Amino acid sequence: MRYLVLATDYDNTLASEGRISGAARAALERLRASGRRAILVTGRRLEDLLRVCACGDLFDYIVAENGGLVYEPRSKDVTLLGEPPPERFVAALRRRGVAPLELGKVIVATHAPQQAIVIETIRELGLELQVIFNLNAVMVLPAGINKAAGLKVALRKLGMSPHETVAVGDAENDHSLLTLAECPVAVANAIDSIKRIAALVTRAEAGNGVVELIDQLIADDLQHADAKLARRYVALGTRVSGETVWLPPYGHNVLIAGGSGSGKSTLAAGLIERLAEQHYQVCVIDPEGDYVNLKALVTIGDPHHGPGIAEVMAVLRDPYVHANVSLLGIPLADRPSYFADLVPHLRAMRTRTGRPHWLVVDEAHHLLPRHWGHTPQHLSESIFVTVHPDHLAPSVVASVDVLLAVGGVPDRTLGKFAAARGLPAPELHGPQGKGQVVCWFVRSGEGHFPMRVIPGREERIRHHRKYAEGDVRYNSFYFRGPSGKHNLKAQNLNVFCQIAEGIGEETWMFHLRRHDYSRWMRDVIRNRDLAAAVEEIERRRDLSPAQTRALVCAAVEARYTLAA
């Protein structure tokens, strides 16, 4: 299910003339039986609401006083989100004859003819209060308190986010509520400004409209509303014409494929940033330490210890925190099994809370290999990053909706994917421009097209941790010397510098004069700046062997933080 929560206004939405009908109550019971949650969001004072509506059993939380407080019916706990009304403000309103004057725990409310006096009183007293209108009602609340603020707190208590939420309302004070929710809905009797921001408008009014909405929600998860939720889409890139290419946030899998060093991780990192900016929770599976520098992510695990599954799930408990699961501390051969063990926990959390919204699997050909019998099924809302699209499990290949072919030979990538998918190989016409990838919405009839990449906002050192402390495996540097008597393996820059400090002078100078060090740093580490600095040292003849060692290691340490 995409939508796990219904948040509904009370007066003139769920209720008519202050009362919930038997049909509306029965619909709410059906909603809860479907496994969904219900939150009531009202401008009424809590005491007033409970006096006219014995409805506590229908809702997980009640947000009352237009977001001023959150009430849990089961425990009867009340959480205040603002300070009580200032006594001097209330006294001033009474002196000026404002009536009726209703005081809540946070809210002050009156009727429309009094708004001029209310606003003038706030100005004269120099108070930081806001005035919110609701048809004929005038509500005064602390700055920043509205229905959206209250709903956020209630959702967080449920472990959910606005992206799992459908909200329905009718009046001015429902603007913030509908704007926050993933799918905003207006009942037929709503004012025009509410209808304009709604993805759906019910045919029926008030409670009957909510019944209609609940029945649609249970029947098909409001799939017919998807086309009207374009404001929730995430930018993939731009066409050559400048038009933005959008990714729907639900129901799509993306494959980013290309050669080593082609920019796959950079493309993925930019997409992760944009998902995080829109508060779609992301969980990254990071075998090589490519994403540890993304500020949006909290990294679990390091080269010295693997991430515990309980640690990962604890981080993801907060809907607004994004996790990077670093596998550097897990032996290479054990990583697919670790991932297979983690996926059921992620899937169970998604079933319960709808999160994490997106799963990013780097080195997907290793974690989800073609001939492995334990491939997790039904991975949705996932981004797979790989060098070898033809080495992925068939179920993963079949699940891909969008292919992004990165690097200088996109035709080869497209061909490998098409062959694995059992599709005719698409043809490319003409070379791709700099900074472009080939985008293919596989299930559409449009065909592939060139797309410009939107760079991430954060500067990221590519493979920083991998090269400093990880393991480049078969691309390791080997100190062998002129006669090949040594075979000392440096699988990362940290080990390289440790060996450099202790290796014999003859072996050190043999590789230095052959420019082996700069070549490895250029071709394997892929850091041209570092390679150029080391090559300059290799060319110098005025330095002693000890000085060259010190300068090479200093050049590395200036660009990477090495373990002591």
Protein backbone atom coordinates (compact mmCIF):
# COMPACT_ATOMS: atom_id res chain seq x y z
CA MET A 1 0.00 0.00 0.00
CA ARG A 2 1.16 3.51 -0.81
CA TYR A 3 -1.22 5.40 1.48
CA LEU A 4 -1.28 4.22 5.07
CA VAL A 5 -2.85 7.23 6.80
CA LEU A 6 -6.02 9.24 6.31
CA ALA A 7 -5.99 12.69 7.94
CA THR A 8 -9.43 14.31 7.91
CA ASP A 9 -10.85 17.64 8.99
CA TYR A 10 -13.96 17.45 11.17
CA ASP A 11 -16.60 20.16 10.60
CA ASN A 12 -18.14 20.16 7.12
CA THR A 13 -15.73 17.43 6.05
CA LEU A 14 -16.15 14.29 8.13
CA ALA A 15 -19.06 15.74 10.10
CA SER A 16 -22.22 17.59 9.12
CA GLU A 17 -23.78 19.94 11.65
CA GLY A 18 -21.20 18.73 14.17
CA ARG A 19 -22.06 15.03 13.96
CA ILE A 20 -20.50 11.99 12.26
CA SER A 21 -23.02 9.90 10.35
CA GLY A 22 -23.35 6.16 10.80
CA ALA A 23 -22.09 5.67 7.22
CA ALA A 24 -18.96 7.75 7.93
CA ARG A 25 -18.27 5.84 11.13
CA ALA A 26 -18.63 2.52 9.31
CA ALA A 27 -16.26 3.74 6.57
CA LEU A 28 -13.63 4.68 9.17
CA GLU A 29 -13.96 1.21 10.66
CA ARG A 30 -13.39 -0.31 7.20
CA LEU A 31 -10.35 1.93 6.76
CA ARG A 32 -8.79 0.70 9.99
CA ALA A 33 -9.62 -2.91 9.13
CA SER A 34 -7.61 -2.45 5.91
CA GLY A 35 -4.50 -1.82 8.03
CA ARG A 36 -4.51 1.95 7.61
CA ARG A 37 -4.39 4.62 10.30
CA ALA A 38 -6.73 7.56 10.87
CA ILE A 39 -5.94 11.01 12.29
CA LEU A 40 -8.56 13.65 12.99
CA VAL A 41 -7.33 17.23 12.45
CA THR A 42 -9.68 19.95 13.68
CA GLY A 43 -9.78 23.59 14.67
CA ARG A 44 -12.07 22.74 17.58
CA ARG A 45 -10.97 22.71 21.18
CA LEU A 46 -10.49 19.15 22.39
CA GLU A 47 -13.15 19.37 25.09
CA ASP A 48 -15.71 20.68 22.59
CA LEU A 49 -14.91 17.92 20.13
CA LEU A 50 -15.15 15.09 22.64
CA ARG A 51 -18.45 16.51 23.93
CA VAL A 52 -20.15 16.22 20.50
CA CYS A 53 -18.25 13.23 19.11
CA ALA A 54 -17.62 9.98 20.93
CA CYS A 55 -15.13 9.19 18.19
CA GLY A 56 -11.88 8.48 20.03
CA ASP A 57 -11.99 4.80 19.14
CA LEU A 58 -11.91 5.67 15.42
CA PHE A 59 -8.64 7.60 15.45
CA ASP A 60 -5.03 6.90 16.35
CA TYR A 61 -4.49 10.59 17.14
CA ILE A 62 -6.58 13.75 17.27
CA VAL A 63 -4.92 17.04 16.33
CA ALA A 64 -7.05 19.74 17.94
CA GLU A 65 -6.96 23.54 18.24
CA ASN A 66 -5.84 23.85 14.63
CA GLY A 67 -2.53 22.13 15.38
CA GLY A 68 -2.08 23.48 18.90
CA LEU A 69 -2.19 20.07 20.56
CA VAL A 70 -2.04 16.35 19.78
CA TYR A 71 -4.23 13.92 21.74
CA GLU A 72 -3.89 10.13 21.86
CA PRO A 73 -7.34 8.66 22.62
CA ARG A 74 -6.01 5.34 23.88
CA SER A 75 -3.78 6.81 26.60
CA LYS A 76 -5.52 10.20 26.82
CA ASP A 77 -2.07 11.83 26.66
CA VAL A 78 -2.00 15.43 25.44
CA THR A 79 1.04 17.02 23.77
CA LEU A 80 0.96 20.83 23.59
CA LEU A 81 2.73 22.31 20.57
CA GLY A 82 2.59 25.90 21.69
CA GLU A 83 2.40 28.17 24.72
CA PRO A 84 -0.97 29.04 26.32
CA PRO A 85 -2.57 32.31 25.16
CA PRO A 86 -0.85 35.35 26.78
CA GLU A 87 -2.98 36.58 29.69
CA ARG A 88 -2.57 40.24 28.71
CA PHE A 89 -3.81 39.45 25.19
CA VAL A 90 -6.91 37.68 26.52
CA ALA A 91 -7.54 40.49 29.01
CA ALA A 92 -7.24 43.13 26.25
CA LEU A 93 -9.76 41.29 24.07
CA ARG A 94 -12.21 41.09 26.95
CA ARG A 95 -11.82 44.80 27.69
CA ARG A 96 -12.65 45.53 24.06
CA GLY A 97 -15.80 43.42 24.24
CA VAL A 98 -14.72 40.64 21.87
CA ALA A 99 -17.40 37.96 22.00
CA PRO A 100 -17.73 35.10 21.77
CA LEU A 101 -14.24 34.43 23.07
CA GLU A 102 -13.20 30.80 23.34
CA LEU A 103 -9.96 29.89 25.09
CA GLY A 104 -8.19 26.60 24.56
CA LYS A 105 -4.90 25.30 25.86
CA VAL A 106 -3.13 27.06 22.98
CA ILE A 107 -5.81 28.66 20.80
CA VAL A 108 -7.95 31.80 21.14
CA ALA A 109 -11.02 31.77 18.91
CA THR A 110 -13.81 34.17 18.02
CA HIS A 111 -16.01 34.96 15.02
CA ALA A 112 -15.39 36.91 11.80
CA PRO A 113 -16.83 40.33 12.77
CA GLN A 114 -14.14 40.58 15.48
CA GLN A 115 -11.03 40.07 13.32
CA ALA A 116 -10.16 43.76 13.04
CA ILE A 117 -10.10 44.16 16.85
CA VAL A 118 -8.06 40.95 17.22
CA ILE A 119 -5.43 42.04 14.68
CA GLU A 120 -5.19 45.54 16.14
CA THR A 121 -4.74 44.11 19.64
CA ILE A 122 -1.92 41.83 18.51
CA ARG A 123 -0.21 44.82 16.84
CA GLU A 124 -0.57 47.12 19.83
CA LEU A 125 0.79 44.52 22.28
CA GLY A 126 3.67 43.60 19.94
CA LEU A 127 2.88 39.87 20.09
CA GLU A 128 4.15 37.18 17.71
CA LEU A 129 0.78 35.58 17.05
CA GLN A 130 -0.88 34.55 13.80
CA VAL A 131 -4.52 34.85 12.77
CA ILE A 132 -6.07 31.97 10.80
CA PHE A 133 -9.53 32.04 9.24
CA ASN A 134 -11.92 29.11 8.95
CA LEU A 135 -15.11 30.20 7.19
CA ASN A 136 -16.76 32.35 9.89
CA ALA A 137 -14.25 31.48 12.63
CA VAL A 138 -11.19 33.56 13.56
CA MET A 139 -8.40 31.64 15.33
CA VAL A 140 -5.30 33.07 17.00
CA LEU A 141 -2.30 30.78 17.51
CA PRO A 142 1.44 31.06 18.19
CA ALA A 143 3.57 31.60 15.11
CA GLY A 144 4.27 28.38 13.22
CA ILE A 145 1.30 26.46 14.64
CA ASN A 146 -1.18 25.16 12.09
CA LYS A 147 -2.79 21.90 11.06
CA ALA A 148 0.35 20.78 9.18
CA ALA A 149 2.52 21.26 12.27
CA GLY A 150 0.14 19.18 14.37
CA LEU A 151 -0.17 16.46 11.72
CA LYS A 152 3.63 16.18 11.47
CA VAL A 153 3.83 15.45 15.19
CA ALA A 154 1.04 12.86 15.05
CA LEU A 155 2.64 11.14 12.04
CA ARG A 156 6.00 11.06 13.75
CA LYS A 157 4.41 9.39 16.76
CA LEU A 158 3.14 6.72 14.35
CA GLY A 159 6.58 6.39 12.75
CA MET A 160 5.21 7.67 9.45
CA SER A 161 5.69 10.69 7.22
CA PRO A 162 3.44 12.94 5.10
CA HIS A 163 4.33 10.84 2.04
CA GLU A 164 2.09 8.03 3.31
CA THR A 165 -0.79 10.39 3.97
CA VAL A 166 -4.05 11.35 2.26
CA ALA A 167 -5.59 14.51 3.73
CA VAL A 168 -9.12 15.79 3.15
CA GLY A 169 -10.61 19.16 4.06
CA ASP A 170 -12.92 21.97 3.04
CA ALA A 171 -11.90 25.41 4.35
CA GLU A 172 -9.13 28.03 4.59
CA ASN A 173 -7.43 26.51 7.63
CA ASP A 174 -7.00 23.23 5.73
CA HIS A 175 -4.49 24.72 3.28
CA SER A 176 -1.44 23.70 5.31
CA LEU A 177 -2.92 20.25 5.96
CA LEU A 178 -3.50 19.50 2.28
CA THR A 179 -0.21 21.03 1.17
CA LEU A 180 1.72 18.77 3.55
CA ALA A 181 0.02 15.49 2.63
CA GLU A 182 1.19 13.42 -0.34
CA CYS A 183 -2.34 13.27 -1.74
CA PRO A 184 -4.61 16.28 -1.00
CA VAL A 185 -8.37 15.81 -1.37
CA ALA A 186 -11.26 18.28 -1.18
CA VAL A 187 -14.85 17.38 -0.42
CA ALA A 188 -17.43 18.65 -2.91
CA ASN A 189 -18.54 21.46 -0.60
CA ALA A 190 -14.98 22.82 -0.16
CA ILE A 191 -14.15 26.42 -0.98
CA ASP A 192 -12.56 27.05 -4.39
CA SER A 193 -9.04 27.69 -3.08
CA ILE A 194 -9.00 24.24 -1.44
CA LYS A 195 -10.30 22.56 -4.58
CA ARG A 196 -7.53 24.20 -6.59
CA ILE A 197 -4.76 22.53 -4.55
CA ALA A 198 -6.50 19.15 -4.36
CA ALA A 199 -5.49 16.17 -6.49
CA LEU A 200 -9.04 14.82 -6.08
CA VAL A 201 -12.42 16.41 -5.41
CA THR A 202 -15.13 14.05 -4.17
CA ARG A 203 -18.49 13.96 -5.90
CA ALA A 204 -20.36 13.94 -2.59
CA GLU A 205 -20.26 16.56 0.14
CA ALA A 206 -18.91 16.40 3.69
CA GLY A 207 -19.19 12.98 5.38
CA ASN A 208 -20.53 11.27 2.28
CA GLY A 209 -17.50 12.59 0.40
CA VAL A 210 -15.18 11.09 2.99
CA VAL A 211 -17.01 7.75 2.68
CA GLU A 212 -16.46 7.95 -1.10
CA LEU A 213 -12.76 8.70 -0.56
CA ILE A 214 -12.27 5.83 1.89
CA ASP A 215 -13.91 3.35 -0.46
CA GLN A 216 -11.62 4.46 -3.31
CA LEU A 217 -8.59 4.30 -1.03
CA ILE A 218 -9.36 0.73 0.00
CA ALA A 219 -10.25 -0.34 -3.55
CA ASP A 220 -7.15 0.79 -5.46
CA ASP A 221 -4.95 2.96 -3.21
CA LEU A 222 -6.09 6.03 -5.22
CA GLN A 223 -4.10 4.99 -8.29
CA HIS A 224 -6.20 7.29 -10.48
CA ALA A 225 -4.77 10.28 -8.58
CA ASP A 226 -1.14 9.57 -9.52
CA ALA A 227 -1.22 11.71 -12.68
CA LYS A 228 -2.32 14.72 -10.61
CA LEU A 229 0.57 14.47 -8.16
CA ALA A 230 3.31 15.76 -10.48
CA ARG A 231 4.44 18.27 -7.86
CA ARG A 232 5.75 15.28 -5.89
CA TYR A 233 7.91 14.02 -8.78
CA VAL A 234 11.71 14.06 -8.47
CA ALA A 235 13.95 15.49 -11.20
CA LEU A 236 16.08 12.90 -13.01
CA GLY A 237 17.76 15.33 -15.42
CA THR A 238 16.95 17.56 -18.37
CA ARG A 239 16.38 16.86 -22.04
CA VAL A 240 18.51 18.58 -24.64
CA SER A 241 15.63 21.05 -25.07
CA GLY A 242 15.92 21.99 -21.39
CA GLU A 243 12.69 20.24 -20.36
CA THR A 244 12.98 18.47 -17.01
CA VAL A 245 12.76 14.68 -16.95
CA TRP A 246 10.68 13.64 -13.93
CA LEU A 247 10.68 10.43 -11.89
CA PRO A 248 7.42 9.48 -10.15
CA PRO A 249 8.27 8.78 -6.50
CA TYR A 250 6.24 5.58 -6.31
CA GLY A 251 6.02 2.45 -8.44
CA HIS A 252 9.28 2.81 -10.38
CA ASN A 253 12.69 1.14 -10.28
CA VAL A 254 15.78 2.78 -11.79
CA LEU A 255 18.91 1.13 -13.15
CA ILE A 256 22.07 3.25 -13.44
CA ALA A 257 24.61 1.34 -15.52
CA GLY A 258 27.96 2.08 -17.15
CA GLY A 259 31.66 1.38 -17.01
CA SER A 260 33.93 1.91 -14.04
CA GLY A 261 34.61 5.60 -13.48
CA SER A 262 31.81 6.68 -15.83
CA GLY A 263 29.95 8.73 -13.22
CA LYS A 264 27.35 6.25 -11.98
CA SER A 265 27.88 7.05 -8.31
CA THR A 266 27.89 10.77 -9.02
CA LEU A 267 24.55 10.48 -10.83
CA ALA A 268 23.14 8.34 -8.02
CA ALA A 269 24.39 10.78 -5.37
CA GLY A 270 22.62 13.69 -7.05
CA LEU A 271 19.38 11.71 -7.23
CA ILE A 272 19.74 10.74 -3.55
CA GLU A 273 20.17 14.41 -2.62
CA ARG A 274 17.00 15.39 -4.48
CA LEU A 275 14.98 12.57 -2.92
CA ALA A 276 16.23 13.61 0.52
CA GLU A 277 15.38 17.27 -0.15
CA GLN A 278 11.77 16.23 -0.72
CA HIS A 279 11.88 14.12 2.47
CA TYR A 280 11.61 10.75 0.75
CA GLN A 281 13.56 8.54 3.13
CA VAL A 282 16.50 6.81 1.42
CA CYS A 283 18.45 3.73 2.49
CA VAL A 284 21.72 3.27 0.55
CA ILE A 285 23.57 -0.04 0.44
CA ASP A 286 27.17 1.11 -0.05
CA PRO A 287 29.67 -1.72 -0.63
CA GLU A 288 32.63 0.49 -1.54
CA GLY A 289 32.28 3.63 0.59
CA ASP A 290 31.12 5.78 -2.33
CA TYR A 291 28.49 7.71 -0.38
CA VAL A 292 30.03 8.31 3.05
CA ASN A 293 30.58 11.99 2.29
CA LEU A 294 26.96 12.76 1.41
CA LYS A 295 25.79 15.02 4.23
CA ALA A 296 22.18 13.91 3.81
CA LEU A 297 23.12 10.37 4.92
CA VAL A 298 23.94 8.85 8.31
CA THR A 299 26.53 6.13 7.72
CA ILE A 300 26.37 2.87 9.69
CA GLY A 301 29.47 0.70 9.54
CA ASP A 302 33.08 1.45 8.60
CA PRO A 303 36.13 -0.46 7.37
CA HIS A 304 36.68 -1.85 10.85
CA HIS A 305 33.22 -3.15 11.71
CA GLY A 306 30.18 -4.17 9.72
CA PRO A 307 26.78 -2.52 10.19
CA GLY A 308 24.44 -4.42 12.49
CA ILE A 309 20.94 -4.89 11.13
CA ALA A 310 19.51 -3.57 14.40
CA GLU A 311 21.70 -0.45 14.01
CA VAL A 312 20.36 0.15 10.51
CA MET A 313 16.74 -0.23 11.56
CA ALA A 314 17.26 2.05 14.57
CA VAL A 315 18.54 4.84 12.29
CA LEU A 316 15.62 4.40 9.89
CA ARG A 317 13.09 4.64 12.72
CA ASP A 318 13.14 8.44 12.30
CA PRO A 319 11.25 9.26 9.06
CA TYR A 320 13.49 12.25 8.38
CA VAL A 321 16.85 10.45 8.67
CA HIS A 322 18.49 8.76 5.66
CA ALA A 323 20.82 5.78 6.12
CA ASN A 324 23.99 4.76 4.33
CA VAL A 325 24.81 1.12 5.07
CA SER A 326 28.57 0.82 4.52
CA LEU A 327 29.69 -2.75 3.80
CA LEU A 328 33.43 -2.02 3.90
CA GLY A 329 33.74 -3.91 7.19
CA ILE A 330 32.06 -7.05 5.78
CA PRO A 331 34.16 -9.56 3.79
CA LEU A 332 33.40 -9.40 0.08
CA ALA A 333 32.04 -12.94 -0.11
CA ASP A 334 29.65 -12.31 2.79
CA ARG A 335 28.04 -9.14 1.43
CA PRO A 336 25.28 -10.76 -0.65
CA SER A 337 24.16 -12.83 2.35
CA TYR A 338 24.18 -9.75 4.59
CA PHE A 339 22.03 -7.89 2.07
CA ALA A 340 19.65 -10.84 1.78
CA ASP A 341 19.29 -10.84 5.59
CA LEU A 342 18.68 -7.08 5.69
CA VAL A 343 16.01 -6.92 2.99
CA PRO A 344 13.22 -8.70 4.94
CA HIS A 345 13.64 -6.17 7.75
CA LEU A 346 13.40 -3.29 5.28
CA ARG A 347 10.37 -4.86 3.62
CA ALA A 348 8.63 -5.36 6.98
CA MET A 349 9.27 -1.71 7.85
CA ARG A 350 7.85 -0.63 4.51
CA THR A 351 4.73 -2.69 5.07
CA ARG A 352 4.26 -1.15 8.50
CA THR A 353 5.28 2.48 7.83
CA GLY A 354 5.77 2.90 4.07
CA ARG A 355 9.48 3.60 4.64
CA PRO A 356 12.24 3.74 3.60
CA HIS A 357 10.71 5.21 0.49
CA TRP A 358 13.72 4.41 -1.72
CA LEU A 359 16.42 1.75 -1.59
CA VAL A 360 19.72 2.40 -3.42
CA VAL A 361 21.83 -0.69 -4.13
CA ASP A 362 25.35 0.03 -5.41
CA GLU A 363 27.47 -2.76 -6.90
CA ALA A 364 24.10 -4.41 -7.58
CA HIS A 365 25.64 -7.10 -9.79
CA HIS A 366 27.49 -8.39 -6.73
CA LEU A 367 24.65 -8.09 -4.19
CA LEU A 368 21.93 -9.31 -6.60
CA PRO A 369 23.82 -11.66 -8.94
CA ARG A 370 22.25 -13.56 -11.81
CA HIS A 371 23.00 -17.10 -10.64
CA TRP A 372 22.42 -16.65 -6.90
CA GLY A 373 19.51 -18.55 -5.39
CA HIS A 374 18.72 -16.09 -2.59
CA THR A 375 17.82 -12.97 -4.55
CA PRO A 376 15.15 -10.96 -2.67
CA GLN A 377 11.95 -10.63 -4.66
CA HIS A 378 9.73 -7.61 -5.25
CA LEU A 379 12.23 -4.81 -4.61
CA SER A 380 10.19 -1.72 -5.46
CA GLU A 381 11.16 1.96 -5.43
CA SER A 382 14.80 0.92 -5.83
CA ILE A 383 17.81 2.36 -7.64
CA PHE A 384 20.30 -0.28 -8.80
CA VAL A 385 23.82 0.86 -9.70
CA THR A 386 26.05 -1.54 -11.64
CA VAL A 387 28.86 -2.00 -14.12
CA HIS A 388 27.25 -5.18 -15.46
CA PRO A 389 23.50 -4.93 -16.14
CA ASP A 390 23.64 -8.37 -17.76
CA HIS A 391 24.94 -9.92 -14.52
CA LEU A 392 21.89 -8.93 -12.45
CA ALA A 393 19.28 -11.41 -11.28
CA PRO A 394 16.51 -11.79 -13.89
CA SER A 395 13.86 -10.61 -11.41
CA VAL A 396 15.81 -7.38 -10.90
CA VAL A 397 16.25 -6.79 -14.64
CA ALA A 398 12.53 -7.43 -15.17
CA SER A 399 11.63 -4.89 -12.47
CA VAL A 400 13.48 -1.96 -14.09
CA ASP A 401 11.29 0.90 -15.33
CA VAL A 402 13.99 3.48 -16.10
CA LEU A 403 17.47 2.79 -17.46
CA LEU A 404 20.19 5.45 -17.27
CA ALA A 405 23.18 4.44 -19.41
CA VAL A 406 26.27 6.33 -18.28
CA GLY A 407 29.69 6.71 -19.89
CA GLY A 408 31.27 6.68 -23.31
CA VAL A 409 29.67 3.49 -24.66
CA PRO A 410 25.96 3.75 -23.79
CA ASP A 411 25.05 1.61 -26.80
CA ARG A 412 26.91 -1.30 -25.22
CA THR A 413 25.09 -0.77 -21.92
CA LEU A 414 21.71 -0.53 -23.64
CA GLY A 415 22.48 -3.70 -25.59
CA LYS A 416 23.47 -5.70 -22.52
CA PHE A 417 20.33 -4.61 -20.66
CA ALA A 418 18.06 -5.30 -23.63
CA ALA A 419 19.55 -8.77 -24.10
CA ALA A 420 19.06 -9.57 -20.41
CA ARG A 421 15.48 -8.29 -20.61
CA GLY A 422 14.72 -10.14 -23.85
CA LEU A 423 14.13 -6.92 -25.79
CA PRO A 424 15.45 -5.81 -29.18
CA ALA A 425 18.67 -3.83 -28.81
CA PRO A 426 17.88 -0.11 -29.29
CA GLU A 427 20.01 1.86 -31.71
CA LEU A 428 21.87 5.05 -30.83
CA HIS A 429 22.25 7.77 -33.41
CA GLY A 430 25.21 10.09 -32.95
CA PRO A 431 27.57 10.61 -30.02
CA GLN A 432 26.38 11.82 -26.65
CA GLY A 433 27.37 15.29 -25.48
CA LYS A 434 29.49 15.98 -22.44
CA GLY A 435 27.57 15.54 -19.20
CA GLN A 436 24.85 13.51 -20.93
CA VAL A 437 23.51 10.03 -20.30
CA VAL A 438 20.99 7.97 -22.23
CA CYS A 439 17.60 7.71 -20.53
CA TRP A 440 15.12 4.98 -21.42
CA PHE A 441 11.66 4.66 -19.83
CA VAL A 442 11.50 0.98 -20.66
CA ARG A 443 7.74 0.48 -20.40
CA SER A 444 6.82 3.56 -22.43
CA GLY A 445 6.67 3.66 -26.18
CA GLU A 446 8.89 6.73 -26.45
CA GLY A 447 12.26 5.05 -26.75
CA HIS A 448 15.56 6.29 -25.37
CA PHE A 449 16.80 9.89 -25.48
CA PRO A 450 19.87 11.87 -24.38
CA MET A 451 19.58 13.50 -20.97
CA ARG A 452 21.76 16.02 -19.20
CA VAL A 453 22.71 15.12 -15.66
CA ILE A 454 21.71 17.46 -12.83
CA PRO A 455 24.84 17.67 -10.65
CA GLY A 456 24.50 17.19 -6.92
CA ARG A 457 24.73 20.27 -4.74
CA GLU A 458 27.40 18.75 -2.53
CA GLU A 459 30.97 18.38 -3.62
CA ARG A 460 31.85 14.73 -3.10
CA ILE A 461 35.28 13.08 -3.25
CA ARG A 462 34.67 10.05 -5.39
CA HIS A 463 35.43 6.74 -3.68
CA HIS A 464 37.24 8.66 -0.94
CA ARG A 465 36.87 6.09 1.82
CA LYS A 466 37.18 3.15 -0.56
CA TYR A 467 40.56 4.27 -1.82
CA ALA A 468 41.81 5.48 1.54
CA GLU A 469 40.82 2.50 3.67
CA GLY A 470 38.83 0.02 1.58
CA ASP A 471 39.93 -2.67 -0.84
CA VAL A 472 40.40 -2.14 -4.59
CA ARG A 473 40.94 -5.90 -4.82
CA TYR A 474 42.46 -6.98 -8.15
CA ASN A 475 43.56 -3.39 -8.86
CA SER A 476 45.83 -3.32 -5.80
CA PHE A 477 49.37 -1.98 -6.12
CA TYR A 478 52.13 -4.59 -5.73
CA PHE A 479 55.62 -3.64 -4.55
CA ARG A 480 57.80 -6.22 -6.36
CA GLY A 481 61.14 -4.51 -7.03
CA PRO A 482 63.54 -4.94 -9.96
CA SER A 483 63.99 -8.68 -9.52
CA GLY A 484 60.44 -9.47 -8.42
CA LYS A 485 61.58 -10.78 -5.04
CA HIS A 486 58.77 -8.96 -3.20
CA ASN A 487 55.01 -9.27 -3.62
CA LEU A 488 53.68 -6.73 -1.12
CA LYS A 489 50.04 -5.85 -1.78
CA ALA A 490 48.64 -2.35 -1.16
CA GLN A 491 44.86 -2.64 -1.47
CA ASN A 492 44.29 0.99 -0.56
CA LEU A 493 46.15 4.25 0.00
CA ASN A 494 46.51 3.68 3.72
CA VAL A 495 48.37 0.40 3.18
CA PHE A 496 50.33 1.94 0.29
CA CYS A 497 51.78 4.60 2.58
CA GLN A 498 52.50 2.10 5.34
CA ILE A 499 54.48 -0.12 2.95
CA ALA A 500 56.18 2.90 1.38
CA GLU A 501 57.62 3.88 4.74
CA GLY A 502 59.22 0.46 5.31
CA ILE A 503 60.08 -0.96 1.89
CA GLY A 504 63.72 -1.08 0.84
CA GLU A 505 65.21 1.82 -1.10
CA GLU A 506 65.93 -0.26 -4.20
CA THR A 507 62.31 -1.43 -4.52
CA TRP A 508 60.91 2.02 -3.77
CA MET A 509 63.09 3.74 -6.38
CA PHE A 510 62.46 1.01 -8.98
CA HIS A 511 58.74 1.78 -9.05
CA LEU A 512 59.29 5.53 -8.67
CA ARG A 513 61.50 5.80 -11.76
CA ARG A 514 59.02 3.73 -13.79
CA HIS A 515 56.25 6.16 -12.77
CA ASP A 516 54.28 3.20 -11.40
CA TYR A 517 52.91 5.20 -8.48
CA SER A 518 51.35 8.01 -10.53
CA ARG A 519 50.02 5.52 -13.08
CA TRP A 520 48.21 3.54 -10.34
CA MET A 521 46.78 6.70 -8.81
CA ARG A 522 45.54 7.87 -12.18
CA ASP A 523 44.18 4.59 -13.52
CA VAL A 524 42.90 2.91 -10.34
CA ILE A 525 42.40 5.64 -7.75
CA ARG A 526 41.16 7.90 -10.55
CA ASN A 527 42.43 11.02 -8.89
CA ARG A 528 44.16 13.04 -11.60
CA ASP A 529 45.19 15.79 -9.22
CA LEU A 530 46.97 13.31 -6.95
CA ALA A 531 48.52 11.49 -9.93
CA ALA A 532 49.89 14.76 -11.35
CA ALA A 533 51.41 15.71 -7.99
CA VAL A 534 53.08 12.29 -7.62
CA GLU A 535 54.30 12.30 -11.22
CA GLU A 536 56.04 15.61 -10.60
CA ILE A 537 57.87 14.00 -7.66
CA GLU A 538 58.78 10.99 -9.83
CA ARG A 539 60.41 13.28 -12.41
CA ARG A 540 62.60 15.13 -9.96
CA ARG A 541 66.24 14.12 -9.72
CA ASP A 542 67.22 16.50 -6.96
CA LEU A 543 65.48 14.54 -4.19
CA SER A 544 66.82 11.74 -2.04
CA PRO A 545 64.84 8.47 -1.84
CA ALA A 546 63.70 9.41 1.69
CA GLN A 547 62.46 12.78 0.46
CA THR A 548 60.50 11.21 -2.39
CA ARG A 549 58.81 8.81 0.04
CA ALA A 550 57.86 11.64 2.37
CA LEU A 551 56.54 13.83 -0.46
CA VAL A 552 54.49 11.05 -2.10
CA CYS A 553 52.86 10.11 1.22
CA ALA A 554 52.27 13.79 2.04
CA ALA A 555 50.52 14.24 -1.34
CA VAL A 556 48.23 11.32 -0.49
CA GLU A 557 47.50 12.53 3.05
CA ALA A 558 46.72 16.05 1.82
CA ARG A 559 43.83 14.62 -0.23
CA TYR A 560 42.67 11.72 1.95
CA THR A 561 42.31 11.22 5.68
CA LEU A 562 44.25 8.07 6.42
CA ALA A 563 43.85 5.84 9.46
CA ALA A 564 46.61 6.09 12.02
